[in-house]
Protein backbone atom coordinates (compact mmCIF):
# COMPACT_ATOMS: atom_id res chain seq x y z
CA UNK A 1 26.90 -18.90 -19.48
CA UNK A 2 25.56 -16.41 -16.79
CA UNK A 3 27.37 -15.82 -13.56
CA UNK A 4 24.25 -13.57 -12.27
CA UNK A 5 22.49 -14.67 -9.46
CA UNK A 6 18.98 -15.75 -11.08
CA UNK A 7 16.01 -13.14 -10.77
CA UNK A 8 14.24 -13.74 -6.99
CA UNK A 9 10.52 -13.38 -6.52
CA UNK A 10 8.80 -12.61 -3.69
CA UNK A 11 8.31 -8.84 -1.32
CA UNK A 12 11.19 -6.59 -0.16
CA UNK A 13 8.90 -4.66 2.74
CA UNK A 14 10.99 -0.83 2.89
CA UNK A 15 10.01 1.40 5.75
CA UNK A 16 9.98 4.71 3.17
CA UNK A 17 11.44 7.62 4.29
CA UNK A 18 10.13 11.21 4.07
CA UNK A 19 11.15 12.91 0.64
CA UNK A 20 11.80 9.47 -1.43
CA UNK A 21 8.92 8.96 -3.89
CA UNK A 22 7.27 5.57 -4.41
CA UNK A 23 8.83 5.07 -8.31
CA UNK A 24 12.34 6.36 -6.76
CA UNK A 25 11.87 3.40 -4.24
CA UNK A 26 11.24 0.74 -6.81
CA UNK A 27 14.41 2.34 -8.65
CA UNK A 28 16.62 1.93 -5.56
CA UNK A 29 15.43 -1.77 -5.24
CA UNK A 30 16.30 -2.13 -9.47
CA UNK A 31 19.82 -0.84 -8.69
CA UNK A 32 20.56 -2.87 -5.72
CA UNK A 33 19.50 -5.89 -7.61
CA UNK A 34 21.75 -5.04 -10.60
CA UNK A 35 24.67 -4.23 -7.86
CA UNK A 36 24.43 -7.52 -6.10
CA UNK A 37 24.84 -9.41 -8.97
CA UNK A 38 21.29 -10.57 -9.86
CA UNK A 39 19.80 -11.23 -13.22
CA UNK A 40 16.72 -8.41 -14.61
CA UNK A 41 14.03 -8.42 -12.53
CA UNK A 42 10.65 -6.94 -12.69
CA UNK A 43 9.51 -4.66 -9.73
CA UNK A 44 6.74 -2.98 -8.95
CA UNK A 45 5.12 -1.21 -5.91
CA UNK A 46 2.03 -2.23 -4.33
CA UNK A 47 0.52 1.30 -3.51
CA UNK A 48 2.08 4.45 -3.50
CA UNK A 49 2.88 6.44 -0.71
CA UNK A 50 3.01 10.25 -0.96
CA UNK A 51 7.12 11.62 -0.70
CA UNK A 52 6.08 13.37 2.65
CA UNK A 53 4.56 10.42 3.61
CA UNK A 54 6.66 7.50 5.48
CA UNK A 55 6.34 4.03 6.64
CA UNK A 56 5.18 0.56 4.36
CA UNK A 57 6.20 0.51 1.03
CA UNK A 58 5.52 -3.16 -0.42
CA UNK A 59 7.59 -3.83 -3.01
CA UNK A 60 7.17 -6.81 -5.49
CA UNK A 61 9.67 -8.59 -7.26
CA UNK A 62 9.60 -10.71 -10.23
CA UNK A 63 6.49 -13.30 -10.15
CA UNK A 64 4.90 -11.20 -7.05
CA UNK A 65 4.63 -8.38 -9.40
CA UNK A 66 1.67 -10.55 -10.35
CA UNK A 67 -0.19 -9.90 -7.00
CA UNK A 68 0.57 -5.78 -6.96
CA UNK A 69 -2.96 -4.99 -7.99
CA UNK A 70 -4.58 -7.07 -5.03
CA UNK A 71 -1.84 -5.04 -2.91
CA UNK A 72 -3.54 -1.68 -4.31
CA UNK A 73 -6.82 -2.95 -3.22
CA UNK A 74 -6.08 -3.65 0.04
CA UNK A 75 -6.56 -1.87 3.25
CA UNK A 76 -4.18 0.45 5.36
CA UNK A 77 -3.38 1.78 8.43
CA UNK A 78 -1.89 4.95 8.86
CA UNK A 79 -1.02 7.45 12.09
CA UNK A 80 -0.88 10.75 10.99
CA UNK A 81 -1.20 14.18 12.90
CA UNK A 82 -3.37 17.31 11.89
CA UNK A 83 -2.16 20.88 12.91
CA UNK A 84 -5.00 22.74 13.62
CA UNK A 85 -5.45 26.43 12.90
CA UNK A 86 -4.12 26.78 9.74
CA UNK A 87 -5.06 24.94 6.51
CA UNK A 88 -2.57 24.68 3.21
CA UNK A 89 -3.16 24.25 -0.70
CA UNK A 90 -1.78 20.79 -0.38
CA UNK A 91 -3.37 19.89 2.59
CA UNK A 92 0.28 19.12 3.96
CA UNK A 93 3.30 20.74 4.90
CA UNK A 94 4.57 21.41 1.44
CA UNK A 95 1.68 23.71 0.67
CA UNK A 96 0.69 27.05 0.95
CA UNK A 97 -1.46 28.70 3.45
CA UNK A 98 -5.02 29.63 2.01
CA UNK A 99 -7.27 29.30 5.37
CA UNK A 100 -6.69 30.30 9.25
CA UNK A 101 -8.66 29.79 12.15
CA UNK A 102 -8.08 30.61 15.84
CA UNK A 103 -10.31 28.09 17.04
CA UNK A 104 -8.48 25.08 18.88
CA UNK A 105 -10.96 21.66 19.80
CA UNK A 106 -10.35 20.01 23.01
CA UNK A 107 -9.33 16.18 22.86
CA UNK A 108 -12.96 15.45 23.54
CA UNK A 109 -14.56 17.55 21.39
CA UNK A 110 -11.84 15.51 18.78
CA UNK A 111 -13.18 11.96 20.09
CA UNK A 112 -16.95 12.91 19.67
CA UNK A 113 -16.18 13.98 15.97
CA UNK A 114 -14.16 10.94 15.11
CA UNK A 115 -17.29 8.76 14.96
CA UNK A 116 -18.62 10.71 12.28
CA UNK A 117 -16.26 9.94 9.71
CA UNK A 118 -16.13 6.04 11.02
CA UNK A 119 -17.78 3.30 8.38
CA UNK A 120 -18.94 4.36 4.81
CA UNK A 121 -17.98 7.97 4.11
CA UNK A 122 -17.56 10.33 0.95
CA UNK A 123 -14.80 12.38 0.54
CA UNK A 124 -13.42 15.04 -2.13
CA UNK A 125 -9.74 13.81 -3.21
CA UNK A 126 -7.33 16.83 -2.67
CA UNK A 127 -6.49 18.85 -5.84
CA UNK A 128 -2.92 17.84 -5.67
CA UNK A 129 -3.30 14.45 -6.45
CA UNK A 130 -2.35 11.90 -8.63
CA UNK A 131 -5.80 11.41 -10.24
CA UNK A 132 -6.63 12.51 -13.62
CA UNK A 133 -8.40 15.30 -15.12
CA UNK A 134 -9.24 14.96 -18.39
CA UNK A 135 -6.41 12.79 -18.85
CA UNK A 136 -3.65 15.41 -17.00
CA UNK A 137 -2.96 14.45 -13.25
CA UNK A 138 -4.56 16.50 -10.96
CA UNK A 139 -1.75 18.23 -9.35
CA UNK A 140 -0.06 19.43 -12.49
CA UNK A 141 -3.30 21.37 -13.61
CA UNK A 142 -2.77 22.52 -9.87
CA UNK A 143 0.10 23.18 -10.00
CA UNK A 144 -0.32 25.47 -13.31
CA UNK A 145 -3.00 27.74 -11.09
CA UNK A 146 -6.35 26.03 -12.45
CA UNK A 147 -9.34 25.24 -10.42
CA UNK A 148 -9.04 21.71 -9.85
CA UNK A 149 -12.90 20.33 -9.14
CA UNK A 150 -12.82 16.06 -8.24
CA UNK A 151 -15.82 14.06 -7.64
CA UNK A 152 -16.91 12.79 -4.36
CA UNK A 153 -16.00 8.94 -4.00
CA UNK A 154 -16.86 6.94 -1.49
CA UNK A 155 -14.24 4.99 0.75
CA UNK A 156 -14.76 2.95 4.02
CA UNK A 157 -12.93 3.90 7.30
CA UNK A 158 -12.84 0.86 9.44
CA UNK A 159 -11.43 2.61 12.49
CA UNK A 160 -10.32 5.88 13.79
CA UNK A 161 -9.01 6.44 17.40
CA UNK A 162 -6.66 8.84 19.16
CA UNK A 163 -3.26 7.96 18.79
CA UNK A 164 -1.18 7.07 21.77
CA UNK A 165 1.21 9.45 23.74
CA UNK A 166 0.55 13.04 24.56
CA UNK A 167 -1.27 15.57 22.05
CA UNK A 168 -0.01 19.36 21.36
CA UNK A 169 -2.56 21.47 22.38
CA UNK A 170 -2.70 22.91 18.53
CA UNK A 171 -2.15 19.35 17.03
CA UNK A 172 -3.47 15.88 17.01
CA UNK A 173 -2.28 12.48 16.24
CA UNK A 174 -4.84 10.13 15.05
CA UNK A 175 -4.76 6.13 13.72
CA UNK A 176 -6.92 5.45 10.51
CA UNK A 177 -7.77 2.05 9.38
CA UNK A 178 -9.08 2.78 5.58
CA UNK A 179 -10.17 1.01 2.39
CA UNK A 180 -8.31 1.34 -0.78
CA UNK A 181 -8.75 5.13 -2.16
CA UNK A 182 -9.13 6.96 0.96
CA UNK A 183 -6.71 10.06 1.00
CA UNK A 184 -6.01 10.74 4.88
CA UNK A 185 -4.91 14.00 4.03
CA UNK A 186 -8.70 15.01 3.02
CA UNK A 187 -10.25 13.08 6.14
CA UNK A 188 -8.00 16.02 7.88
CA UNK A 189 -9.18 18.77 6.11
CA UNK A 190 -12.70 17.34 7.11
CA UNK A 191 -12.22 16.58 10.63
CA UNK A 192 -10.88 20.10 11.27
CA UNK A 193 -13.79 21.69 9.24
CA UNK A 194 -16.53 19.30 11.32
CA UNK A 195 -14.63 20.97 14.37
CA UNK A 196 -15.28 24.77 13.31
CA UNK A 197 -11.70 25.08 12.49
CA UNK A 198 -8.95 24.02 9.66
CA UNK A 199 -6.21 22.15 9.44
CA UNK A 200 -3.74 20.20 7.48
CA UNK A 201 -1.26 16.89 7.82
CA UNK A 202 2.58 17.56 9.25
CA UNK A 203 2.99 13.93 9.73
CA UNK A 204 1.79 10.52 7.87
CA UNK A 205 3.18 7.18 8.58
CA UNK A 206 1.84 4.11 6.86
CA UNK A 207 1.97 1.37 9.74
CA UNK A 208 0.52 -1.63 7.34
CA UNK A 209 0.16 -2.30 3.75
CA UNK A 210 -2.57 -5.57 3.38
CA UNK A 211 -0.82 -8.20 5.27
CA UNK A 212 2.26 -6.39 5.69
CA UNK A 213 3.04 -4.86 8.94
CA UNK A 214 6.05 -2.43 10.03
CA UNK A 215 7.83 -5.15 11.51
CA UNK A 216 8.16 -6.62 7.67
CA UNK A 217 10.11 -3.41 6.93
CA UNK A 218 13.62 -2.78 5.86
CA UNK A 219 15.20 0.56 6.01
CA UNK A 220 17.08 1.94 3.13
CA UNK A 221 20.43 1.44 4.50
CA UNK A 222 19.16 -2.07 5.16
CA UNK A 223 18.24 -2.50 1.33
CA UNK A 224 21.49 -0.72 0.19
CA UNK A 225 23.35 -3.69 1.33
CA UNK A 226 22.42 -5.55 -1.24
CA UNK A 227 24.73 -3.83 -3.56
CA UNK A 228 27.34 -4.81 -1.45
CA UNK A 229 27.22 -8.54 -1.27
CA UNK A 230 24.07 -8.94 1.48
CA UNK A 231 22.26 -12.03 1.54
CA UNK A 232 18.69 -11.05 -0.52
CA UNK A 233 17.16 -13.99 1.20
CA UNK A 234 17.20 -12.50 4.66
CA UNK A 235 15.31 -9.59 3.30
CA UNK A 236 12.92 -11.43 1.62
CA UNK A 237 9.24 -12.28 1.99
CA UNK A 238 8.55 -15.02 -0.25
CA UNK A 239 5.37 -14.51 -3.05
CA UNK A 240 2.62 -15.93 -0.57
CA UNK A 241 3.17 -13.89 2.30
CA UNK A 242 1.28 -11.31 -0.40
CA UNK A 243 -2.00 -13.86 0.38
CA UNK A 244 -2.04 -14.46 3.68
CA UNK A 245 -5.84 -14.02 3.67
CA UNK A 246 -6.07 -16.52 1.09
CA UNK A 247 -6.17 -20.24 1.74
CA UNK A 248 -4.25 -22.88 0.12
CA UNK A 249 -5.70 -25.14 -2.16
CA UNK A 250 -2.83 -28.36 -2.33
CA UNK A 251 -2.02 -29.72 -5.97
CA UNK A 252 -0.87 -33.15 -6.42
CA UNK A 253 2.01 -33.20 -8.96
CA UNK A 254 -0.60 -34.35 -11.78
CA UNK A 255 -3.01 -31.23 -11.35
CA UNK A 256 -0.07 -28.90 -10.61
CA UNK A 257 0.89 -29.51 -14.82
CA UNK A 258 -2.76 -29.48 -15.24
CA UNK A 259 -3.10 -25.84 -13.52
CA UNK A 260 0.11 -24.36 -15.39
CA UNK A 261 -1.44 -25.73 -18.37
CA UNK A 262 -4.52 -23.54 -17.64
CA UNK A 263 -6.64 -26.29 -17.62
CA UNK A 264 -9.90 -26.53 -15.02
CA UNK A 265 -10.06 -29.18 -12.07
CA UNK A 266 -13.37 -29.99 -11.77
CA UNK A 267 -14.67 -32.09 -8.63
CA UNK A 268 -13.45 -30.08 -5.53
CA UNK A 269 -14.84 -30.50 -2.03
CA UNK A 270 -13.59 -26.75 -0.72
CA UNK A 271 -16.39 -23.98 -0.58
CA UNK A 272 -16.90 -21.60 -3.05
CA UNK A 273 -13.97 -18.60 -3.23
CA UNK A 274 -10.08 -17.44 -4.09
CA UNK A 275 -7.42 -19.94 -3.31
CA UNK A 276 -3.31 -20.19 -3.65
CA UNK A 277 -3.13 -23.66 -5.38
CA UNK A 278 0.23 -24.94 -4.05
CA UNK A 279 2.11 -27.84 -4.86
CA UNK A 280 4.12 -28.53 -1.61
CA UNK A 281 5.49 -25.29 -0.55
CA UNK A 282 5.60 -23.49 -3.92
CA UNK A 283 2.82 -21.15 -5.26
CA UNK A 284 1.36 -22.76 -8.53
CA UNK A 285 -1.63 -20.33 -9.41
CA UNK A 286 -4.25 -17.89 -7.91
CA UNK A 287 -7.70 -19.66 -8.50
CA UNK A 288 -11.19 -19.04 -8.25
CA UNK A 289 -13.39 -22.03 -7.64
CA UNK A 290 -16.95 -21.88 -8.32
CA UNK A 291 -19.28 -24.76 -7.20
CA UNK A 292 -16.47 -27.14 -7.33
CA UNK A 293 -14.66 -25.91 -10.18
CA UNK A 294 -11.49 -24.07 -9.99
CA UNK A 295 -10.26 -21.81 -12.66
CA UNK A 296 -6.43 -19.98 -12.74
CA UNK A 297 -6.82 -16.43 -12.04
CA UNK A 298 -3.11 -15.98 -12.03
CA UNK A 299 -0.27 -18.28 -12.77
CA UNK A 300 2.94 -18.25 -10.70
CA UNK A 301 6.13 -19.09 -12.88
CA UNK A 302 8.26 -20.18 -10.14
CA UNK A 303 11.19 -22.36 -10.42
CA UNK A 304 10.73 -25.68 -9.00
CA UNK A 305 13.58 -25.47 -6.71
CA UNK A 306 14.32 -22.51 -4.37
CA UNK A 307 17.17 -21.01 -5.64
């Protein structure tokens, strides 16, 4: 009989530091779980965060990995700083300067332009991005010296405002609430061009990803305490924390067994839509109700009793 602790299910929200890649963050979680004595656990992240970016990175454990795709589709909030006067090939501080301008916009000018970038917009993703062009990552082609042309994509900027605090003469810090697929580096480039200058991102922090906030996030140091015996339960958010925008569908024991077998529930009074089916306080499945009939979208295989 194994003396390992049971594999956990839920979310660790990491306050990712600069220079750490999202895949490296997943690796750090796996290492801490292994060294902390936990059974082999499936781990995945809920949305890539560039190495030069910092902030909220949801990491799914166990059955919560079934919801990682939903997290990719969720809206996100970023704070970011645009430095005016220089544009780099990567649109951030990592690249080479490819354009310069002496124009420095005023705060009133910036505020007027922000309205143009609020709502549905189209943007061209950065050449240095993970998007694939003919089966190869765009950033690999760009680093090889190839000319990379990416198609415009439709995104939505739900809100775009000046961030609190002082602003330098040659830079501005903004807060943006954006839909999935939005590139903040492209947004910064386009804002600068609309102001008659050029610019690049010098600071990027994600403060919200789906339902997860900065206040939910733990530092890398805190994560590393798991390997030394720190209680994971003190850091882990439950699987259903990733579904806080979805109403619960409370099941009887009989209905829960039927759902676990993939069967359809009929004659339900709830309005059509997506629900998290629960038995007591345990998520059983993500279900879609249509005209009183509920079908399983994604089943969860959680232990009956919390470990």
